[in-house]
Amino acid sequence: MTAADDRLIVALDVPNVVAGMELANKLGSAVSFYKIGLGMLTGGGLALANELKHEHGKRIFLDMKLFDIGATVEAAVRGFTQFDIDFLTVHGDPHVVRAAKAGAAGSNMKILAVTILTSLDRADLDASLIRDGAIPDLVVDRAGRAFDAGADGIIASPQEAAAIRALPEAKGGLIVTPGVRPDGAALGDQKRVATPALALQDGADHIVVGRPIWQAQDPRAAALSILKQMAAVRHENGM
């Protein structure tokens, strides 16, 4: 039987704590790391994080993508430390990263910086008046600046993982990739995607998978299938 591998983070993008706990119970020992996002926050997301962490021994990635003035970000992050979160996301602007690191001081919580959302393409950036340039170049530039500001890791699509891993600033840093889809899975709202194996081969430390697992007829079987692909990459890389 394929064992849990915390390189796989399952996104609990379901409506509320009840649905989240039902899914976690179905996945059982197959999954050891969960992402709880902003959409779950008003549905009991922090209570779910606390229950999964302290009653079930799971690791927790809180995906809030914080962005505000420095003092507000620092205060918000300091508040999140009471929940013993493993990963927390903020936007990758240097002032935000620095404030988040200050708020996380004294805890084990890792601050992950968002570069450019994996649901966006160049047309979306143009509509938002983001400067010209190819998305991979902009992502790598933002990643380097976020690492310089103190980020513990970067959120980026698997298509940019290799270029980020090659940055001198990325040495010792984490790369976490959403937008991961097994072969044959629907893309949903993701536009920059790759398979689990390719994302890991290109330098990702963790992959985030949501709908291909929780929309599956058998979520546990779907997770185990992904874990099997990941185990092959671990073997090939001698990890």
Protein backbone atom coordinates (compact mmCIF):
# COMPACT_ATOMS: atom_id res chain seq x y z
CA MET A 1 0.00 0.00 0.00
CA THR A 2 1.27 3.50 -0.89
CA ALA A 3 2.10 5.46 2.27
CA ALA A 4 1.21 9.10 2.92
CA ASP A 5 3.74 11.52 1.46
CA ASP A 6 3.60 15.09 2.71
CA ARG A 7 4.79 16.35 -0.66
CA LEU A 8 1.11 15.95 -1.62
CA ILE A 9 -1.09 18.68 -0.19
CA VAL A 10 -4.82 18.15 -0.70
CA ALA A 11 -6.86 21.33 -1.10
CA LEU A 12 -10.04 21.19 0.98
CA ASP A 13 -11.90 23.52 -1.37
CA VAL A 14 -15.30 22.44 -0.06
CA PRO A 15 -18.05 24.63 1.43
CA ASN A 16 -17.64 24.12 5.16
CA VAL A 17 -16.00 22.29 8.05
CA VAL A 18 -18.46 19.39 7.88
CA ALA A 19 -17.69 18.67 4.21
CA GLY A 20 -13.98 19.17 4.89
CA MET A 21 -13.95 16.67 7.73
CA GLU A 22 -15.96 14.16 5.69
CA LEU A 23 -13.37 14.35 2.92
CA ALA A 24 -10.47 14.05 5.35
CA ASN A 25 -12.10 10.96 6.88
CA LYS A 26 -12.46 9.39 3.43
CA LEU A 27 -8.78 10.06 2.68
CA GLY A 28 -7.68 8.82 6.11
CA SER A 29 -4.05 7.81 6.43
CA ALA A 30 -3.40 8.28 2.69
CA VAL A 31 -3.02 12.06 3.12
CA SER A 32 -0.98 13.87 5.75
CA PHE A 33 -1.10 17.52 4.56
CA TYR A 34 -4.13 19.71 3.83
CA LYS A 35 -4.68 23.18 2.38
CA ILE A 36 -7.49 25.33 3.72
CA GLY A 37 -8.23 28.41 1.66
CA LEU A 38 -10.03 31.72 1.94
CA GLY A 39 -13.28 30.27 0.62
CA MET A 40 -13.47 27.98 3.67
CA LEU A 41 -12.66 30.69 6.22
CA THR A 42 -16.28 31.65 6.93
CA GLY A 43 -17.30 27.98 6.84
CA GLY A 44 -15.26 27.06 9.88
CA GLY A 45 -11.87 26.84 8.22
CA LEU A 46 -9.83 27.70 11.30
CA ALA A 47 -11.77 25.22 13.43
CA LEU A 48 -11.13 22.56 10.78
CA ALA A 49 -7.43 23.44 10.73
CA ASN A 50 -7.26 23.09 14.50
CA GLU A 51 -9.09 19.74 14.49
CA LEU A 52 -6.98 18.24 11.70
CA LYS A 53 -3.76 19.44 13.31
CA HIS A 54 -4.32 18.59 16.94
CA GLU A 55 -6.74 15.64 16.82
CA HIS A 56 -5.58 13.92 13.63
CA GLY A 57 -1.89 14.86 13.45
CA LYS A 58 -2.11 16.44 9.98
CA ARG A 59 0.00 19.28 8.62
CA ILE A 60 -1.87 22.44 7.62
CA PHE A 61 -1.34 24.95 4.84
CA LEU A 62 -3.51 28.05 5.35
CA ASP A 63 -3.91 29.75 1.98
CA MET A 64 -5.02 33.29 2.78
CA LYS A 65 -2.92 35.24 0.23
CA LEU A 66 -2.73 38.21 2.59
CA PHE A 67 -2.16 41.67 1.14
CA ASP A 68 -2.41 44.94 3.06
CA ILE A 69 -0.22 47.58 4.67
CA GLY A 70 2.69 46.16 6.63
CA ALA A 71 1.30 46.70 10.13
CA THR A 72 -1.97 44.95 9.27
CA VAL A 73 -0.24 41.98 7.63
CA GLU A 74 2.09 41.61 10.60
CA ALA A 75 -0.82 41.64 13.06
CA ALA A 76 -2.83 39.14 11.01
CA VAL A 77 0.08 36.73 10.72
CA ARG A 78 0.82 37.01 14.43
CA GLY A 79 -2.80 36.03 15.07
CA PHE A 80 -2.53 32.99 12.83
CA THR A 81 0.47 31.67 14.75
CA GLN A 82 -1.85 30.62 17.61
CA PHE A 83 -3.27 27.89 15.34
CA ASP A 84 0.10 26.13 14.86
CA ILE A 85 -0.12 26.44 11.06
CA ASP A 86 2.69 24.93 8.97
CA PHE A 87 2.42 27.15 5.86
CA LEU A 88 0.73 30.52 5.34
CA THR A 89 0.51 32.41 2.04
CA VAL A 90 0.89 36.13 1.46
CA HIS A 91 1.29 38.08 -1.75
CA GLY A 92 4.89 38.26 -2.86
CA ASP A 93 5.35 42.04 -2.68
CA PRO A 94 8.49 42.62 -0.60
CA HIS A 95 6.81 44.87 1.98
CA VAL A 96 4.14 42.21 2.57
CA VAL A 97 6.68 39.40 2.92
CA ARG A 98 8.80 41.38 5.39
CA ALA A 99 5.75 42.19 7.51
CA ALA A 100 4.58 38.56 7.45
CA LYS A 101 7.98 37.32 8.56
CA ALA A 102 7.90 39.78 11.45
CA GLY A 103 4.45 38.50 12.45
CA ALA A 104 5.60 34.87 12.27
CA ALA A 105 8.69 35.47 14.43
CA GLY A 106 9.05 32.92 17.21
CA SER A 107 6.83 30.34 15.49
CA ASN A 108 7.52 27.46 13.12
CA MET A 109 5.11 28.77 10.50
CA LYS A 110 6.59 29.11 7.01
CA ILE A 111 5.67 32.17 4.96
CA LEU A 112 5.04 31.35 1.30
CA ALA A 113 4.88 34.16 -1.24
CA VAL A 114 2.41 34.14 -4.13
CA THR A 115 3.99 35.21 -7.41
CA ILE A 116 1.25 35.27 -10.08
CA LEU A 117 -1.91 33.23 -9.59
CA THR A 118 -2.00 30.06 -11.67
CA SER A 119 -5.49 30.94 -12.93
CA LEU A 120 -4.12 34.04 -14.73
CA ASP A 121 -2.67 34.43 -18.22
CA ARG A 122 -1.14 37.39 -20.04
CA ALA A 123 -4.55 38.77 -21.04
CA ASP A 124 -5.57 38.85 -17.37
CA LEU A 125 -2.39 40.74 -16.47
CA ASP A 126 -2.96 43.23 -19.27
CA ALA A 127 -6.48 43.88 -17.96
CA SER A 128 -4.97 44.59 -14.53
CA LEU A 129 -2.31 46.95 -15.96
CA ILE A 130 0.54 44.63 -14.91
CA ARG A 131 3.77 45.50 -16.71
CA ASP A 132 4.66 43.87 -19.99
CA GLY A 133 6.59 40.64 -20.09
CA ALA A 134 6.12 36.91 -20.38
CA ILE A 135 4.49 35.36 -17.31
CA PRO A 136 7.40 32.97 -16.58
CA ASP A 137 9.82 35.92 -16.52
CA LEU A 138 7.57 37.95 -14.22
CA VAL A 139 7.07 34.98 -11.89
CA VAL A 140 10.81 34.34 -11.57
CA ASP A 141 11.47 38.04 -10.98
CA ARG A 142 8.82 38.21 -8.24
CA ALA A 143 10.10 34.98 -6.71
CA GLY A 144 13.62 36.33 -6.42
CA ARG A 145 12.41 39.53 -4.79
CA ALA A 146 10.23 37.61 -2.35
CA PHE A 147 13.12 35.36 -1.32
CA ASP A 148 15.29 38.45 -0.85
CA ALA A 149 12.59 39.88 1.45
CA GLY A 150 12.76 36.75 3.61
CA ALA A 151 10.09 34.39 2.21
CA ASP A 152 10.52 30.77 3.27
CA GLY A 153 9.05 29.60 0.00
CA ILE A 154 7.23 30.47 -3.18
CA ILE A 155 3.85 29.58 -4.64
CA ALA A 156 4.15 29.24 -8.40
CA SER A 157 2.77 27.16 -11.21
CA PRO A 158 4.65 23.95 -12.03
CA GLN A 159 5.62 25.50 -15.35
CA GLU A 160 7.89 27.98 -13.55
CA ALA A 161 9.25 25.64 -10.85
CA ALA A 162 12.50 24.77 -12.64
CA ALA A 163 13.40 28.40 -13.32
CA ILE A 164 12.70 29.38 -9.71
CA ARG A 165 14.71 26.44 -8.38
CA ALA A 166 17.66 27.69 -10.45
CA LEU A 167 17.66 31.10 -8.71
CA PRO A 168 20.56 31.64 -6.30
CA GLU A 169 18.05 33.20 -3.89
CA ALA A 170 16.02 29.95 -3.90
CA LYS A 171 18.73 27.88 -2.22
CA GLY A 172 17.12 26.22 0.79
CA GLY A 173 13.71 27.67 -0.06
CA LEU A 174 10.45 25.85 -0.68
CA ILE A 175 8.54 25.71 -3.94
CA VAL A 176 4.86 24.80 -3.66
CA THR A 177 2.91 24.29 -6.88
CA PRO A 178 -0.86 24.48 -7.32
CA GLY A 179 -2.25 23.92 -10.79
CA VAL A 180 -1.24 20.24 -10.70
CA ARG A 181 -3.45 17.90 -12.69
CA PRO A 182 -3.00 14.15 -13.25
CA ASP A 183 -3.08 13.01 -16.87
CA GLY A 184 -6.62 13.26 -18.23
CA ALA A 185 -7.98 15.48 -15.45
CA ALA A 186 -10.04 18.57 -16.31
CA LEU A 187 -8.16 21.86 -16.06
CA GLY A 188 -10.99 23.72 -14.29
CA ASP A 189 -9.98 27.39 -13.86
CA GLN A 190 -6.25 26.64 -14.01
CA LYS A 191 -4.31 27.83 -17.05
CA ARG A 192 -0.69 26.94 -16.24
CA VAL A 193 -0.64 23.28 -15.24
CA ALA A 194 1.51 20.15 -15.19
CA THR A 195 1.29 16.57 -13.98
CA PRO A 196 2.41 15.65 -10.44
CA ALA A 197 5.51 13.86 -11.72
CA LEU A 198 6.62 16.74 -13.95
CA ALA A 199 6.11 19.33 -11.18
CA LEU A 200 8.34 17.34 -8.81
CA GLN A 201 10.95 16.68 -11.46
CA ASP A 202 11.13 20.41 -12.13
CA GLY A 203 11.93 21.26 -8.52
CA ALA A 204 8.66 21.51 -6.59
CA ASP A 205 8.86 20.46 -2.93
CA HIS A 206 5.08 20.12 -2.57
CA ILE A 207 2.21 19.87 -5.03
CA VAL A 208 -1.33 21.01 -4.30
CA VAL A 209 -4.21 18.97 -5.74
CA GLY A 210 -7.87 19.75 -5.15
CA ARG A 211 -10.67 18.90 -7.57
CA PRO A 212 -9.07 15.78 -9.12
CA ILE A 213 -9.26 14.29 -5.61
CA TRP A 214 -12.36 15.72 -3.96
CA GLN A 215 -14.51 15.51 -7.11
CA ALA A 216 -13.48 11.90 -7.73
CA GLN A 217 -15.99 9.11 -7.17
CA ASP A 218 -13.41 7.56 -4.83
CA PRO A 219 -11.23 10.36 -3.39
CA ARG A 220 -8.91 7.98 -1.54
CA ALA A 221 -8.23 5.96 -4.71
CA ALA A 222 -7.54 9.21 -6.60
CA ALA A 223 -5.07 10.33 -3.91
CA LEU A 224 -3.34 6.94 -3.88
CA SER A 225 -2.97 7.06 -7.67
CA ILE A 226 -1.22 10.45 -7.41
CA LEU A 227 0.97 9.18 -4.57
CA LYS A 228 2.06 6.27 -6.74
CA GLN A 229 3.18 8.70 -9.46
CA MET A 230 5.05 10.74 -6.86
CA ALA A 231 6.77 7.66 -5.42
CA ALA A 232 8.14 6.87 -8.89
CA VAL A 233 9.70 10.34 -9.08
CA ARG A 234 11.23 9.91 -5.63
CA HIS A 235 12.75 6.60 -6.76
CA GLU A 236 14.05 8.05 -10.04
CA ASN A 237 15.69 10.96 -8.23
CA GLY A 238 17.16 8.74 -5.53
CA MET A 239 15.33 10.72 -2.86
